[in-house]
Structure formats: C-alpha cells, structure tokens
Amino acid sequence: KGILVKSASMKVLAEESPGAYKDIDQVVQVSHDLGIVEKIVRFVPIGVVKG
C-alpha cells in the first residue's frame, strides 16, 4: 500500500497493527451468546485522539 512508518520500537508498531485488534462485532456476539452481556446499542466511532 506504500505506507511508511517510523517508530521508536517494534513493540509500538505491533500494538498499532490492524491484526492486533479483534473484530468487535464478533467479541460482542460471543459475549451475548454466553450471557455475559446484553446488547443494547451500537456505537460508531467518529474520531481518534492519541497523545
């Protein structure tokens, strides 16, 4: 994709890798099926702030 990333360490890059995150819809569905949570509303992110 032509993406260039500069980081102080590989650990930081690994944490930001898309593969480091689980599909939230799958996590919520499994949690709901197990009776751990009750699905009420779905939020949609509008931005990210880091710092």
C-alpha atoms as a PDB file:
ATOM      1  CA  LYS A   1       0.000   0.000   0.000  1.00  0.00           C
ATOM      2  CA  GLY A   2       3.026   2.297   0.056  1.00  0.00           C
ATOM      3  CA  ILE A   3       2.753   3.062   3.778  1.00  0.00           C
ATOM      4  CA  LEU A   4       5.905   4.266   5.549  1.00  0.00           C
ATOM      5  CA  VAL A   5       6.008   4.178   9.351  1.00  0.00           C
ATOM      6  CA  LYS A   6       8.710   5.472  11.701  1.00  0.00           C
ATOM      7  CA  SER A   7       8.696   4.271  15.305  1.00  0.00           C
ATOM      8  CA  ALA A   8      10.993   4.172  18.307  1.00  0.00           C
ATOM      9  CA  SER A   9      10.406   0.430  18.715  1.00  0.00           C
ATOM     10  CA  MET A  10       8.813  -2.581  17.031  1.00  0.00           C
ATOM     11  CA  LYS A  11       6.577  -3.083  20.103  1.00  0.00           C
ATOM     12  CA  VAL A  12       4.748   0.167  19.379  1.00  0.00           C
ATOM     13  CA  LEU A  13       4.238  -0.856  15.754  1.00  0.00           C
ATOM     14  CA  ALA A  14       2.917  -4.269  16.783  1.00  0.00           C
ATOM     15  CA  GLU A  15       0.342  -2.616  19.068  1.00  0.00           C
ATOM     16  CA  GLU A  16      -0.891  -0.442  16.194  1.00  0.00           C
ATOM     17  CA  SER A  17      -1.115  -3.285  13.674  1.00  0.00           C
ATOM     18  CA  PRO A  18      -4.688  -3.935  12.493  1.00  0.00           C
ATOM     19  CA  GLY A  19      -4.061  -7.617  13.239  1.00  0.00           C
ATOM     20  CA  ALA A  20      -3.573  -6.740  16.923  1.00  0.00           C
ATOM     21  CA  TYR A  21      -7.281  -6.000  17.303  1.00  0.00           C
ATOM     22  CA  LYS A  22     -10.221  -8.406  17.402  1.00  0.00           C
ATOM     23  CA  ASP A  23     -13.410  -7.808  15.404  1.00  0.00           C
ATOM     24  CA  ILE A  24     -15.600  -6.073  17.999  1.00  0.00           C
ATOM     25  CA  ASP A  25     -18.798  -7.412  16.425  1.00  0.00           C
ATOM     26  CA  GLN A  26     -17.576 -10.985  16.933  1.00  0.00           C
ATOM     27  CA  VAL A  27     -16.489 -10.284  20.513  1.00  0.00           C
ATOM     28  CA  VAL A  28     -19.853  -8.734  21.382  1.00  0.00           C
ATOM     29  CA  GLN A  29     -21.809 -11.544  19.710  1.00  0.00           C
ATOM     30  CA  VAL A  30     -19.886 -14.281  21.547  1.00  0.00           C
ATOM     31  CA  SER A  31     -20.262 -12.397  24.846  1.00  0.00           C
ATOM     32  CA  HIS A  32     -24.002 -12.021  24.188  1.00  0.00           C
ATOM     33  CA  ASP A  33     -24.395 -15.701  23.255  1.00  0.00           C
ATOM     34  CA  LEU A  34     -22.656 -16.712  26.506  1.00  0.00           C
ATOM     35  CA  GLY A  35     -24.973 -14.491  28.555  1.00  0.00           C
ATOM     36  CA  ILE A  36     -22.129 -12.253  29.730  1.00  0.00           C
ATOM     37  CA  VAL A  37     -23.577  -9.078  28.194  1.00  0.00           C
ATOM     38  CA  GLU A  38     -26.853  -7.753  26.863  1.00  0.00           C
ATOM     39  CA  LYS A  39     -26.689  -5.938  23.532  1.00  0.00           C
ATOM     40  CA  ILE A  40     -28.397  -2.564  23.846  1.00  0.00           C
ATOM     41  CA  VAL A  41     -26.851  -0.102  21.388  1.00  0.00           C
ATOM     42  CA  ARG A  42     -24.060   0.003  18.795  1.00  0.00           C
ATOM     43  CA  PHE A  43     -21.689   2.959  18.846  1.00  0.00           C
ATOM     44  CA  VAL A  44     -19.900   4.255  15.757  1.00  0.00           C
ATOM     45  CA  PRO A  45     -16.545   5.991  16.302  1.00  0.00           C
ATOM     46  CA  ILE A  46     -16.240   9.487  14.865  1.00  0.00           C
ATOM     47  CA  GLY A  47     -12.561  10.082  15.629  1.00  0.00           C
ATOM     48  CA  VAL A  48      -9.443   9.004  17.479  1.00  0.00           C
ATOM     49  CA  VAL A  49      -7.330  11.109  19.835  1.00  0.00           C
ATOM     50  CA  LYS A  50      -3.901   9.875  20.924  1.00  0.00           C
ATOM     51  CA  GLY A  51      -1.342  11.623  22.955  1.00  0.00           C
END
